[in-house]
């Protein structure tokens, strides 16, 4: 990923980590209570959203998770779909697990 900034921002680039900015909404409380073993746990019924421009997006890292009722719109197609490898070390071979027959299909 190429950032518009020429520096690494730990909270943006290595989430979850210590924020270097003021967090909005419930994000600060969620960061304190929902990080376990270095992983952010999304509450049941909520969604974690990432912006498509990490340098400028105020997404779930900064605002907290979103309830289903806050999400409007409807998906148009599946962009990518892969079976996750059982071993994290095998993530580099994700393409061999790609479900090519599902890409760009309308959701059911």
N, C-alpha and C. Protein backbone atom coordinates (compact mmCIF):
# COMPACT_ATOMS: atom_id res chain seq x y z
N UNK A 1 0.84 -1.17 0.00
CA UNK A 1 0.00 0.00 0.00
C UNK A 1 0.89 1.24 0.00
N UNK A 2 0.54 2.19 -0.82
CA UNK A 2 1.29 3.44 -0.87
C UNK A 2 0.49 4.51 -0.14
N UNK A 3 1.10 5.13 0.86
CA UNK A 3 0.46 6.19 1.63
C UNK A 3 0.83 7.55 1.05
N UNK A 4 -0.05 8.51 1.23
CA UNK A 4 0.24 9.89 0.83
C UNK A 4 1.27 10.49 1.77
N UNK A 5 1.33 9.97 2.99
CA UNK A 5 2.32 10.45 3.95
C UNK A 5 3.62 9.67 3.77
N UNK A 6 4.72 10.27 4.13
CA UNK A 6 6.01 9.59 3.98
C UNK A 6 6.51 9.03 5.32
N UNK A 7 5.60 8.81 6.25
CA UNK A 7 5.96 8.28 7.56
C UNK A 7 4.98 7.18 7.96
N UNK A 8 5.40 6.34 8.88
CA UNK A 8 4.52 5.31 9.41
C UNK A 8 3.76 5.89 10.59
N UNK A 9 2.47 5.68 10.62
CA UNK A 9 1.63 6.11 11.73
C UNK A 9 1.14 4.84 12.41
N UNK A 10 1.65 4.55 13.60
CA UNK A 10 1.41 3.25 14.23
C UNK A 10 -0.07 2.91 14.38
N UNK A 11 -0.89 3.86 14.78
CA UNK A 11 -2.30 3.55 15.00
C UNK A 11 -3.00 3.23 13.68
N UNK A 12 -2.69 3.97 12.65
CA UNK A 12 -3.28 3.74 11.33
C UNK A 12 -2.73 2.47 10.70
N UNK A 13 -1.41 2.29 10.77
CA UNK A 13 -0.76 1.23 10.02
C UNK A 13 -0.62 -0.09 10.78
N UNK A 14 -0.72 -0.06 12.09
CA UNK A 14 -0.57 -1.27 12.91
C UNK A 14 -1.68 -1.38 13.94
N UNK A 15 -2.90 -1.20 13.52
CA UNK A 15 -4.06 -1.26 14.41
C UNK A 15 -4.23 -2.67 14.95
N UNK A 16 -4.60 -2.87 16.20
CA UNK A 16 -4.77 -1.86 17.23
C UNK A 16 -3.44 -1.56 17.92
N UNK A 17 -3.19 -0.32 18.14
CA UNK A 17 -2.01 0.13 18.88
C UNK A 17 -2.39 1.40 19.63
N UNK A 18 -1.45 2.04 20.24
CA UNK A 18 -1.74 3.25 21.01
C UNK A 18 -2.09 4.39 20.07
N UNK A 19 -3.26 5.00 20.23
CA UNK A 19 -3.64 6.10 19.34
C UNK A 19 -2.75 7.32 19.51
N UNK A 20 -2.46 7.98 18.41
CA UNK A 20 -1.66 9.20 18.44
C UNK A 20 -2.53 10.42 18.17
N UNK A 21 -3.84 10.23 18.28
CA UNK A 21 -4.79 11.29 18.04
C UNK A 21 -6.02 11.07 18.92
N UNK A 22 -6.86 12.08 19.03
CA UNK A 22 -8.11 11.94 19.79
C UNK A 22 -9.06 11.04 19.02
N UNK A 23 -9.66 10.08 19.71
CA UNK A 23 -10.62 9.19 19.07
C UNK A 23 -12.02 9.72 19.27
N UNK A 24 -12.87 9.46 18.30
CA UNK A 24 -14.25 9.94 18.32
C UNK A 24 -15.19 8.87 18.86
N UNK A 25 -16.40 9.31 19.21
CA UNK A 25 -17.45 8.38 19.61
C UNK A 25 -17.01 7.41 20.67
N UNK A 26 -17.33 6.15 20.45
CA UNK A 26 -17.05 5.11 21.43
C UNK A 26 -15.72 4.40 21.18
N UNK A 27 -14.92 4.89 20.22
CA UNK A 27 -13.70 4.20 19.83
C UNK A 27 -12.70 4.06 20.96
N UNK A 28 -12.52 5.09 21.76
CA UNK A 28 -11.54 5.03 22.85
C UNK A 28 -11.92 3.97 23.87
N UNK A 29 -13.19 3.95 24.26
CA UNK A 29 -13.65 2.94 25.23
C UNK A 29 -13.54 1.55 24.62
N UNK A 30 -13.91 1.40 23.34
CA UNK A 30 -13.81 0.10 22.69
C UNK A 30 -12.36 -0.37 22.62
N UNK A 31 -11.45 0.53 22.35
CA UNK A 31 -10.04 0.17 22.26
C UNK A 31 -9.54 -0.35 23.61
N UNK A 32 -10.04 0.22 24.69
CA UNK A 32 -9.62 -0.21 26.04
C UNK A 32 -10.24 -1.54 26.45
N UNK A 33 -11.45 -1.82 25.98
CA UNK A 33 -12.16 -3.00 26.47
C UNK A 33 -12.22 -4.16 25.48
N UNK A 34 -11.98 -3.92 24.21
CA UNK A 34 -12.20 -4.97 23.21
C UNK A 34 -10.93 -5.46 22.52
N UNK A 35 -9.77 -5.09 23.05
CA UNK A 35 -8.53 -5.62 22.51
C UNK A 35 -8.09 -6.75 23.42
N UNK A 36 -7.96 -7.93 22.84
CA UNK A 36 -7.54 -9.12 23.59
C UNK A 36 -6.45 -9.83 22.80
N UNK A 37 -5.32 -10.03 23.44
CA UNK A 37 -4.22 -10.71 22.77
C UNK A 37 -3.74 -9.96 21.53
N UNK A 38 -3.84 -8.65 21.55
CA UNK A 38 -3.39 -7.86 20.41
C UNK A 38 -4.39 -7.79 19.26
N UNK A 39 -5.57 -8.37 19.44
CA UNK A 39 -6.61 -8.37 18.40
C UNK A 39 -7.81 -7.57 18.88
N UNK A 40 -8.40 -6.79 17.99
CA UNK A 40 -9.61 -6.04 18.31
C UNK A 40 -10.81 -6.95 18.08
N UNK A 41 -11.62 -7.16 19.10
CA UNK A 41 -12.79 -8.04 19.03
C UNK A 41 -14.02 -7.19 18.72
N UNK A 42 -14.68 -7.48 17.61
CA UNK A 42 -15.87 -6.75 17.20
C UNK A 42 -17.08 -7.37 17.90
N UNK A 43 -17.88 -6.55 18.59
CA UNK A 43 -19.05 -7.09 19.29
C UNK A 43 -20.05 -7.73 18.33
N UNK A 44 -20.75 -8.74 18.81
CA UNK A 44 -21.79 -9.39 18.00
C UNK A 44 -22.81 -8.34 17.59
N UNK A 45 -23.21 -8.36 16.34
CA UNK A 45 -24.20 -7.42 15.82
C UNK A 45 -23.59 -6.11 15.34
N UNK A 46 -22.29 -5.92 15.52
CA UNK A 46 -21.61 -4.71 15.04
C UNK A 46 -20.71 -5.06 13.86
N UNK A 47 -20.26 -4.04 13.17
CA UNK A 47 -19.36 -4.20 12.03
C UNK A 47 -18.18 -3.26 12.18
N UNK A 48 -17.03 -3.71 11.73
CA UNK A 48 -15.81 -2.91 11.73
C UNK A 48 -15.59 -2.46 10.30
N UNK A 49 -15.56 -1.16 10.07
CA UNK A 49 -15.43 -0.61 8.72
C UNK A 49 -14.09 0.09 8.56
N UNK A 50 -13.43 -0.18 7.46
CA UNK A 50 -12.19 0.51 7.12
C UNK A 50 -12.46 1.40 5.90
N UNK A 51 -11.90 2.60 5.93
CA UNK A 51 -12.04 3.49 4.79
C UNK A 51 -11.13 3.06 3.65
N UNK A 52 -11.46 3.49 2.45
CA UNK A 52 -10.63 3.12 1.30
C UNK A 52 -9.44 4.05 1.10
N UNK A 53 -9.32 5.08 1.94
CA UNK A 53 -8.18 5.97 1.90
C UNK A 53 -7.62 6.06 3.32
N UNK A 54 -6.70 5.15 3.70
CA UNK A 54 -6.25 5.09 5.08
C UNK A 54 -5.62 6.37 5.59
N UNK A 55 -5.09 7.20 4.70
CA UNK A 55 -4.48 8.46 5.14
C UNK A 55 -5.52 9.48 5.59
N UNK A 56 -6.73 9.38 5.06
CA UNK A 56 -7.74 10.41 5.33
C UNK A 56 -9.07 9.88 5.86
N UNK A 57 -9.23 8.58 6.00
CA UNK A 57 -10.52 8.02 6.41
C UNK A 57 -10.69 8.02 7.92
N UNK A 58 -11.81 8.54 8.40
CA UNK A 58 -12.20 8.38 9.81
C UNK A 58 -13.14 7.18 9.85
N UNK A 59 -12.57 6.01 10.04
CA UNK A 59 -13.34 4.78 10.02
C UNK A 59 -13.41 4.17 11.41
N UNK A 60 -13.64 2.88 11.51
CA UNK A 60 -13.83 2.23 12.80
C UNK A 60 -12.62 2.34 13.72
N UNK A 61 -11.42 2.55 13.17
CA UNK A 61 -10.26 2.73 14.04
C UNK A 61 -10.42 4.00 14.86
N UNK A 62 -11.10 5.00 14.32
CA UNK A 62 -11.20 6.31 14.96
C UNK A 62 -12.58 6.60 15.55
N UNK A 63 -13.62 5.94 15.04
CA UNK A 63 -14.99 6.20 15.52
C UNK A 63 -15.61 5.06 16.28
N UNK A 64 -15.06 3.86 16.19
CA UNK A 64 -15.65 2.70 16.83
C UNK A 64 -16.48 1.90 15.83
N UNK A 65 -16.96 0.76 16.26
CA UNK A 65 -17.73 -0.10 15.37
C UNK A 65 -19.10 0.49 15.10
N UNK A 66 -19.76 -0.06 14.10
CA UNK A 66 -21.07 0.44 13.68
C UNK A 66 -22.11 -0.67 13.82
N UNK A 67 -23.30 -0.35 14.35
CA UNK A 67 -24.36 -1.35 14.41
C UNK A 67 -24.96 -1.56 13.02
N UNK A 68 -25.55 -2.72 12.80
CA UNK A 68 -26.16 -3.05 11.51
C UNK A 68 -27.13 -1.96 11.06
N UNK A 69 -27.89 -1.38 12.00
CA UNK A 69 -28.88 -0.36 11.64
C UNK A 69 -28.24 0.90 11.03
N UNK A 70 -26.96 1.12 11.27
CA UNK A 70 -26.28 2.31 10.75
C UNK A 70 -25.77 2.10 9.32
N UNK A 71 -25.84 0.87 8.84
CA UNK A 71 -25.32 0.57 7.51
C UNK A 71 -26.46 0.62 6.51
N UNK A 72 -26.30 1.49 5.53
CA UNK A 72 -27.32 1.60 4.49
C UNK A 72 -26.68 1.23 3.15
N UNK A 73 -27.51 0.82 2.24
CA UNK A 73 -27.00 0.41 0.94
C UNK A 73 -27.10 -1.09 0.80
N UNK A 74 -26.70 -1.56 -0.35
CA UNK A 74 -26.78 -2.98 -0.64
C UNK A 74 -25.55 -3.36 -1.47
N UNK A 75 -24.91 -4.49 -1.14
CA UNK A 75 -23.75 -4.89 -1.92
C UNK A 75 -24.14 -5.19 -3.37
N UNK A 76 -23.23 -4.92 -4.27
CA UNK A 76 -23.49 -5.12 -5.70
C UNK A 76 -22.84 -6.41 -6.19
N UNK A 77 -21.61 -6.67 -5.75
CA UNK A 77 -20.92 -7.89 -6.15
C UNK A 77 -19.84 -8.24 -5.14
N UNK A 78 -19.40 -9.50 -5.18
CA UNK A 78 -18.28 -9.94 -4.36
C UNK A 78 -17.01 -9.61 -5.13
N UNK A 79 -16.13 -8.86 -4.48
CA UNK A 79 -14.88 -8.46 -5.13
C UNK A 79 -13.84 -9.56 -5.05
N UNK A 80 -13.74 -10.20 -3.89
CA UNK A 80 -12.73 -11.23 -3.70
C UNK A 80 -13.23 -12.20 -2.65
N UNK A 81 -12.91 -13.48 -2.82
CA UNK A 81 -13.34 -14.48 -1.86
C UNK A 81 -12.29 -15.59 -1.82
N UNK A 82 -11.81 -15.92 -0.62
CA UNK A 82 -10.80 -16.97 -0.49
C UNK A 82 -11.04 -17.75 0.80
N UNK A 83 -10.73 -19.02 0.75
CA UNK A 83 -10.75 -19.84 1.97
C UNK A 83 -9.51 -19.47 2.77
N UNK A 84 -9.67 -19.06 4.02
CA UNK A 84 -8.48 -18.72 4.81
C UNK A 84 -7.69 -19.98 5.17
N UNK A 85 -6.37 -19.96 4.99
CA UNK A 85 -5.55 -21.12 5.39
C UNK A 85 -5.63 -21.34 6.90
N UNK A 86 -5.54 -22.57 7.32
CA UNK A 86 -5.60 -22.88 8.75
C UNK A 86 -4.38 -22.34 9.48
N UNK A 87 -3.23 -22.31 8.83
CA UNK A 87 -1.98 -21.85 9.43
C UNK A 87 -1.70 -20.44 8.93
N UNK A 88 -1.51 -19.49 9.86
CA UNK A 88 -1.27 -18.09 9.48
C UNK A 88 -0.03 -17.94 8.60
N UNK A 89 0.93 -18.83 8.76
CA UNK A 89 2.15 -18.75 7.96
C UNK A 89 1.86 -19.02 6.48
N UNK A 90 0.76 -19.65 6.21
CA UNK A 90 0.42 -19.97 4.83
C UNK A 90 -0.35 -18.85 4.13
N UNK A 91 -0.50 -17.70 4.80
CA UNK A 91 -1.24 -16.59 4.18
C UNK A 91 -0.63 -16.18 2.86
N UNK A 92 0.65 -16.41 2.68
CA UNK A 92 1.30 -16.00 1.44
C UNK A 92 0.82 -16.81 0.24
N UNK A 93 0.13 -17.92 0.49
CA UNK A 93 -0.36 -18.73 -0.62
C UNK A 93 -1.88 -18.60 -0.79
N UNK A 94 -2.40 -17.46 -0.36
CA UNK A 94 -3.85 -17.24 -0.43
C UNK A 94 -4.39 -17.41 -1.85
N UNK A 95 -3.64 -17.00 -2.83
CA UNK A 95 -4.14 -17.11 -4.20
C UNK A 95 -4.44 -18.55 -4.60
N UNK A 96 -3.74 -19.49 -4.00
CA UNK A 96 -4.03 -20.89 -4.32
C UNK A 96 -5.35 -21.33 -3.69
N UNK A 97 -5.88 -20.53 -2.75
CA UNK A 97 -7.17 -20.83 -2.12
C UNK A 97 -8.29 -19.94 -2.65
N UNK A 98 -7.99 -19.14 -3.63
CA UNK A 98 -8.98 -18.20 -4.15
C UNK A 98 -10.14 -18.94 -4.80
N UNK A 99 -11.33 -18.51 -4.47
CA UNK A 99 -12.54 -19.08 -5.08
C UNK A 99 -12.88 -18.22 -6.30
N UNK A 100 -12.14 -18.45 -7.38
CA UNK A 100 -12.26 -17.63 -8.58
C UNK A 100 -13.69 -17.62 -9.12
N UNK A 101 -14.44 -18.68 -8.93
CA UNK A 101 -15.81 -18.76 -9.45
C UNK A 101 -16.78 -17.87 -8.71
N UNK A 102 -16.36 -17.21 -7.61
CA UNK A 102 -17.25 -16.33 -6.85
C UNK A 102 -16.97 -14.85 -7.08
N UNK A 103 -15.86 -14.52 -7.70
CA UNK A 103 -15.46 -13.13 -7.86
C UNK A 103 -16.36 -12.43 -8.87
N UNK A 104 -16.80 -11.23 -8.52
CA UNK A 104 -17.67 -10.37 -9.32
C UNK A 104 -19.08 -10.93 -9.51
N UNK A 105 -19.52 -11.81 -8.63
CA UNK A 105 -20.89 -12.30 -8.68
C UNK A 105 -21.78 -11.43 -7.80
N UNK A 106 -23.04 -11.33 -8.16
CA UNK A 106 -24.01 -10.62 -7.31
C UNK A 106 -24.23 -11.45 -6.06
N UNK A 107 -24.32 -10.80 -4.89
CA UNK A 107 -24.57 -11.56 -3.66
C UNK A 107 -25.95 -12.20 -3.67
N UNK A 108 -26.09 -13.29 -2.94
CA UNK A 108 -27.39 -13.97 -2.87
C UNK A 108 -28.22 -13.43 -1.77
